[in-house]
Amino acid sequence: MNLIIREVQARDAEGIINILNPIIEAGIYTAITNTISIEAEREFILNFNKRGIFHVAVDNSKQEIVGFQNVEPFADYTNAFDHVGIIGTFVSLSHRRQGIAKNLFSATFDACRSSGYEKIFAYVRADNRVALSTYLNQGFSIIGTARKHAKINGFYIDEIMIERFL
């Protein structure tokens, strides 16, 4: 695959929801429960935090978005957390295990360092072992478990808290 990692553009909204909505609909990979419209994703991109990092992975041979990753500031109500970002990573269900996440992490970590981030934090569903393994392989460490942190369709799901220092 001829993969290019680049900054997101508003025109990427449809490609992003084509990845995200099937993941949401599967109901086993993310705590996001409602699918997202193209318009809502476009607005999200256009209004994305100025300190944020938002990359897409594009299969250049097909001009198809196959993954995306973003980092947002941990909290904007105080500058005490300016060095901390929250990361989210999504790879198309049909393109997993092809090095897409690894390439996204590399570009995102570089961009985070350049933007003054020193630590990246995430929550991963405890039942999503593949995602947890992916993050751990990128140097993240488990720092705890938020018990019954999500409640989806009447069932509680623990979330694993992870961090990585840059």
C-alpha atoms as a PDB file:
ATOM      1  CA  MET A   1       0.000   0.000   0.000  1.00  0.00           C
ATOM      2  CA  ASN A   2       1.299   3.436  -0.933  1.00  0.00           C
ATOM      3  CA  LEU A   3       0.406   5.244   2.307  1.00  0.00           C
ATOM      4  CA  ILE A   4       0.531   9.002   2.859  1.00  0.00           C
ATOM      5  CA  ILE A   5      -0.040  10.613   6.256  1.00  0.00           C
ATOM      6  CA  ARG A   6      -1.221  14.217   6.058  1.00  0.00           C
ATOM      7  CA  GLU A   7      -3.184  16.806   7.985  1.00  0.00           C
ATOM      8  CA  VAL A   8      -6.946  16.506   7.786  1.00  0.00           C
ATOM      9  CA  GLN A   9      -8.953  18.721   5.451  1.00  0.00           C
ATOM     10  CA  ALA A  10     -12.668  19.515   5.551  1.00  0.00           C
ATOM     11  CA  ARG A  11     -13.151  17.530   2.339  1.00  0.00           C
ATOM     12  CA  ASP A  12     -12.027  14.393   4.268  1.00  0.00           C
ATOM     13  CA  ALA A  13     -15.255  14.268   6.289  1.00  0.00           C
ATOM     14  CA  GLU A  14     -16.925  11.590   4.174  1.00  0.00           C
ATOM     15  CA  GLY A  15     -13.836   9.372   4.158  1.00  0.00           C
ATOM     16  CA  ILE A  16     -13.569   9.680   7.925  1.00  0.00           C
ATOM     17  CA  ILE A  17     -17.167   8.737   8.626  1.00  0.00           C
ATOM     18  CA  ASN A  18     -16.840   5.837   6.183  1.00  0.00           C
ATOM     19  CA  ILE A  19     -14.251   4.505   8.647  1.00  0.00           C
ATOM     20  CA  LEU A  20     -15.809   5.675  11.900  1.00  0.00           C
ATOM     21  CA  ASN A  21     -19.461   4.747  11.414  1.00  0.00           C
ATOM     22  CA  PRO A  22     -18.844   1.015  10.750  1.00  0.00           C
ATOM     23  CA  ILE A  23     -16.644   0.947  13.860  1.00  0.00           C
ATOM     24  CA  ILE A  24     -19.412   2.599  15.888  1.00  0.00           C
ATOM     25  CA  GLU A  25     -22.048   0.272  14.421  1.00  0.00           C
ATOM     26  CA  ALA A  26     -19.966  -2.795  15.316  1.00  0.00           C
ATOM     27  CA  GLY A  27     -20.448  -1.782  18.956  1.00  0.00           C
ATOM     28  CA  ILE A  28     -17.278  -3.452  20.229  1.00  0.00           C
ATOM     29  CA  TYR A  29     -14.366  -1.125  19.478  1.00  0.00           C
ATOM     30  CA  THR A  30     -15.316   2.309  20.792  1.00  0.00           C
ATOM     31  CA  ALA A  31     -17.448   3.944  23.455  1.00  0.00           C
ATOM     32  CA  ILE A  32     -18.923   6.240  20.788  1.00  0.00           C
ATOM     33  CA  THR A  33     -22.500   5.058  20.336  1.00  0.00           C
ATOM     34  CA  ASN A  34     -24.072   7.368  17.750  1.00  0.00           C
ATOM     35  CA  THR A  35     -23.088   7.439  14.102  1.00  0.00           C
ATOM     36  CA  ILE A  36     -21.941  10.742  12.668  1.00  0.00           C
ATOM     37  CA  SER A  37     -23.139  12.623   9.605  1.00  0.00           C
ATOM     38  CA  ILE A  38     -20.835  14.048   6.959  1.00  0.00           C
ATOM     39  CA  GLU A  39     -21.943  17.549   7.935  1.00  0.00           C
ATOM     40  CA  ALA A  40     -21.232  16.985  11.625  1.00  0.00           C
ATOM     41  CA  GLU A  41     -17.761  15.592  10.852  1.00  0.00           C
ATOM     42  CA  ARG A  42     -17.011  18.506   8.524  1.00  0.00           C
ATOM     43  CA  GLU A  43     -17.983  20.935  11.311  1.00  0.00           C
ATOM     44  CA  PHE A  44     -15.807  18.994  13.761  1.00  0.00           C
ATOM     45  CA  ILE A  45     -12.844  19.309  11.406  1.00  0.00           C
ATOM     46  CA  LEU A  46     -13.441  23.008  10.728  1.00  0.00           C
ATOM     47  CA  ASN A  47     -13.759  23.756  14.454  1.00  0.00           C
ATOM     48  CA  PHE A  48     -11.010  21.419  15.624  1.00  0.00           C
ATOM     49  CA  ASN A  49      -8.950  22.840  18.470  1.00  0.00           C
ATOM     50  CA  LYS A  50      -6.111  25.028  17.168  1.00  0.00           C
ATOM     51  CA  ARG A  51      -3.612  23.146  19.382  1.00  0.00           C
ATOM     52  CA  GLY A  52      -4.917  19.829  18.161  1.00  0.00           C
ATOM     53  CA  ILE A  53      -3.255  17.396  15.788  1.00  0.00           C
ATOM     54  CA  PHE A  54      -5.461  15.622  13.234  1.00  0.00           C
ATOM     55  CA  HIS A  55      -3.965  13.289  10.640  1.00  0.00           C
ATOM     56  CA  VAL A  56      -5.469  11.049   7.999  1.00  0.00           C
ATOM     57  CA  ALA A  57      -3.818   8.029   6.407  1.00  0.00           C
ATOM     58  CA  VAL A  58      -4.489   7.905   2.681  1.00  0.00           C
ATOM     59  CA  ASP A  59      -3.940   4.915   0.401  1.00  0.00           C
ATOM     60  CA  ASN A  60      -2.439   7.001  -2.380  1.00  0.00           C
ATOM     61  CA  SER A  61      -2.983   4.343  -5.042  1.00  0.00           C
ATOM     62  CA  LYS A  62      -6.760   4.513  -4.479  1.00  0.00           C
ATOM     63  CA  GLN A  63      -7.011   8.032  -3.010  1.00  0.00           C
ATOM     64  CA  GLU A  64      -8.913   6.464  -0.109  1.00  0.00           C
ATOM     65  CA  ILE A  65      -8.716   7.412   3.559  1.00  0.00           C
ATOM     66  CA  VAL A  66      -7.916   4.219   5.463  1.00  0.00           C
ATOM     67  CA  GLY A  67      -7.302   5.611   8.952  1.00  0.00           C
ATOM     68  CA  PHE A  68      -7.132   8.712  11.067  1.00  0.00           C
ATOM     69  CA  GLN A  69      -5.789   9.867  14.391  1.00  0.00           C
ATOM     70  CA  ASN A  70      -6.267  12.995  16.420  1.00  0.00           C
ATOM     71  CA  VAL A  71      -4.933  14.568  19.569  1.00  0.00           C
ATOM     72  CA  GLU A  72      -6.798  17.238  21.462  1.00  0.00           C
ATOM     73  CA  PRO A  73      -5.694  19.204  24.518  1.00  0.00           C
ATOM     74  CA  PHE A  74      -6.578  17.367  27.728  1.00  0.00           C
ATOM     75  CA  ALA A  75      -8.333  20.379  29.253  1.00  0.00           C
ATOM     76  CA  ASP A  76      -8.745  23.954  28.154  1.00  0.00           C
ATOM     77  CA  TYR A  77     -10.074  25.383  31.422  1.00  0.00           C
ATOM     78  CA  THR A  78      -6.548  25.661  32.865  1.00  0.00           C
ATOM     79  CA  ASN A  79      -3.054  25.815  31.442  1.00  0.00           C
ATOM     80  CA  ALA A  80      -1.843  23.237  33.999  1.00  0.00           C
ATOM     81  CA  PHE A  81      -2.509  20.491  31.441  1.00  0.00           C
ATOM     82  CA  ASP A  82      -1.171  22.236  28.321  1.00  0.00           C
ATOM     83  CA  HIS A  83       1.495  19.538  27.973  1.00  0.00           C
ATOM     84  CA  VAL A  84      -1.090  16.697  27.873  1.00  0.00           C
ATOM     85  CA  GLY A  85      -3.122  15.551  24.870  1.00  0.00           C
ATOM     86  CA  ILE A  86      -5.851  12.948  24.459  1.00  0.00           C
ATOM     87  CA  ILE A  87      -5.407  10.670  21.467  1.00  0.00           C
ATOM     88  CA  GLY A  88      -7.875   8.692  19.383  1.00  0.00           C
ATOM     89  CA  THR A  89      -6.923   6.240  16.636  1.00  0.00           C
ATOM     90  CA  PHE A  90      -9.187   4.656  14.043  1.00  0.00           C
ATOM     91  CA  VAL A  91      -8.277   2.333  11.163  1.00  0.00           C
ATOM     92  CA  SER A  92     -10.748   1.032   8.607  1.00  0.00           C
ATOM     93  CA  LEU A  93     -12.062  -2.404   9.561  1.00  0.00           C
ATOM     94  CA  SER A  94     -10.960  -3.715   6.162  1.00  0.00           C
ATOM     95  CA  HIS A  95      -7.418  -2.291   6.390  1.00  0.00           C
ATOM     96  CA  ARG A  96      -6.226  -3.438   9.800  1.00  0.00           C
ATOM     97  CA  ARG A  97      -2.814  -5.023  10.436  1.00  0.00           C
ATOM     98  CA  GLN A  98      -1.180  -3.233   7.504  1.00  0.00           C
ATOM     99  CA  GLY A  99       0.960  -0.741   9.423  1.00  0.00           C
ATOM    100  CA  ILE A 100      -1.478   2.151   9.121  1.00  0.00           C
ATOM    101  CA  ALA A 101      -1.671   2.872  12.866  1.00  0.00           C
ATOM    102  CA  LYS A 102       2.121   2.646  13.179  1.00  0.00           C
ATOM    103  CA  ASN A 103       2.536   5.300  10.480  1.00  0.00           C
ATOM    104  CA  LEU A 104      -0.123   7.503  12.052  1.00  0.00           C
ATOM    105  CA  PHE A 105       1.557   7.285  15.467  1.00  0.00           C
ATOM    106  CA  SER A 106       4.923   8.261  14.024  1.00  0.00           C
ATOM    107  CA  ALA A 107       3.561  11.391  12.331  1.00  0.00           C
ATOM    108  CA  THR A 108       1.361  12.305  15.286  1.00  0.00           C
ATOM    109  CA  PHE A 109       4.127  11.947  17.877  1.00  0.00           C
ATOM    110  CA  ASP A 110       6.398  14.213  15.811  1.00  0.00           C
ATOM    111  CA  ALA A 111       3.637  16.809  15.430  1.00  0.00           C
ATOM    112  CA  CYS A 112       2.808  16.617  19.140  1.00  0.00           C
ATOM    113  CA  ARG A 113       6.401  17.272  20.141  1.00  0.00           C
ATOM    114  CA  SER A 114       6.514  20.270  17.791  1.00  0.00           C
ATOM    115  CA  SER A 115       3.284  21.582  19.348  1.00  0.00           C
ATOM    116  CA  GLY A 116       4.565  21.384  22.930  1.00  0.00           C
ATOM    117  CA  TYR A 117       2.874  18.189  24.029  1.00  0.00           C
ATOM    118  CA  GLU A 118       4.922  16.091  26.434  1.00  0.00           C
ATOM    119  CA  LYS A 119       2.424  13.361  27.287  1.00  0.00           C
ATOM    120  CA  ILE A 120      -0.368  11.605  25.410  1.00  0.00           C
ATOM    121  CA  PHE A 121      -3.273   9.997  27.257  1.00  0.00           C
ATOM    122  CA  ALA A 122      -6.119   7.719  26.156  1.00  0.00           C
ATOM    123  CA  TYR A 123      -8.960   5.535  27.315  1.00  0.00           C
ATOM    124  CA  VAL A 124      -9.296   2.147  25.593  1.00  0.00           C
ATOM    125  CA  ARG A 125     -12.218  -0.206  26.078  1.00  0.00           C
ATOM    126  CA  ALA A 126     -11.030  -3.059  28.276  1.00  0.00           C
ATOM    127  CA  ASP A 127     -12.617  -5.540  25.872  1.00  0.00           C
ATOM    128  CA  ASN A 128     -10.743  -4.101  22.869  1.00  0.00           C
ATOM    129  CA  ARG A 129      -7.523  -6.081  23.276  1.00  0.00           C
ATOM    130  CA  VAL A 130      -6.328  -5.366  19.726  1.00  0.00           C
ATOM    131  CA  ALA A 131      -6.442  -1.597  20.292  1.00  0.00           C
ATOM    132  CA  LEU A 132      -4.780  -1.923  23.684  1.00  0.00           C
ATOM    133  CA  SER A 133      -2.014  -4.040  22.175  1.00  0.00           C
ATOM    134  CA  THR A 134      -1.520  -1.490  19.391  1.00  0.00           C
ATOM    135  CA  TYR A 135      -1.089   1.345  21.890  1.00  0.00           C
ATOM    136  CA  LEU A 136       1.226  -0.699  24.122  1.00  0.00           C
ATOM    137  CA  ASN A 137       3.372  -1.511  21.075  1.00  0.00           C
ATOM    138  CA  GLN A 138       3.712   2.246  20.514  1.00  0.00           C
ATOM    139  CA  GLY A 139       5.186   2.797  23.969  1.00  0.00           C
ATOM    140  CA  PHE A 140       2.046   3.505  25.990  1.00  0.00           C
ATOM    141  CA  SER A 141       1.781   2.178  29.539  1.00  0.00           C
ATOM    142  CA  ILE A 142      -1.304   1.138  31.444  1.00  0.00           C
ATOM    143  CA  ILE A 143      -1.885   3.448  34.398  1.00  0.00           C
ATOM    144  CA  GLY A 144      -5.215   2.174  35.644  1.00  0.00           C
ATOM    145  CA  THR A 145      -8.714   0.953  34.984  1.00  0.00           C
ATOM    146  CA  ALA A 146     -11.832   3.077  35.125  1.00  0.00           C
ATOM    147  CA  ARG A 147     -14.394   0.521  36.295  1.00  0.00           C
ATOM    148  CA  LYS A 148     -17.861   0.642  34.736  1.00  0.00           C
ATOM    149  CA  HIS A 149     -16.752   3.792  32.942  1.00  0.00           C
ATOM    150  CA  ALA A 150     -19.025   3.370  29.919  1.00  0.00           C
ATOM    151  CA  LYS A 151     -22.581   2.068  29.857  1.00  0.00           C
ATOM    152  CA  ILE A 152     -23.621   0.889  26.423  1.00  0.00           C
ATOM    153  CA  ASN A 153     -26.919  -0.828  25.719  1.00  0.00           C
ATOM    154  CA  GLY A 154     -27.381  -1.418  29.440  1.00  0.00           C
ATOM    155  CA  PHE A 155     -23.976  -3.053  29.944  1.00  0.00           C
ATOM    156  CA  TYR A 156     -21.051  -1.556  31.816  1.00  0.00           C
ATOM    157  CA  ILE A 157     -17.645  -1.519  30.181  1.00  0.00           C
ATOM    158  CA  ASP A 158     -14.354  -0.823  31.914  1.00  0.00           C
ATOM    159  CA  GLU A 159     -11.899   1.489  30.216  1.00  0.00           C
ATOM    160  CA  ILE A 160      -8.143   1.083  30.462  1.00  0.00           C
ATOM    161  CA  MET A 161      -6.279   4.365  30.999  1.00  0.00           C
ATOM    162  CA  ILE A 162      -2.967   4.581  29.180  1.00  0.00           C
ATOM    163  CA  GLU A 163      -0.280   7.206  28.717  1.00  0.00           C
ATOM    164  CA  ARG A 164       2.905   7.796  26.805  1.00  0.00           C
ATOM    165  CA  PHE A 165       5.536  10.394  27.490  1.00  0.00           C
ATOM    166  CA  LEU A 166       7.047  11.952  24.413  1.00  0.00           C
END
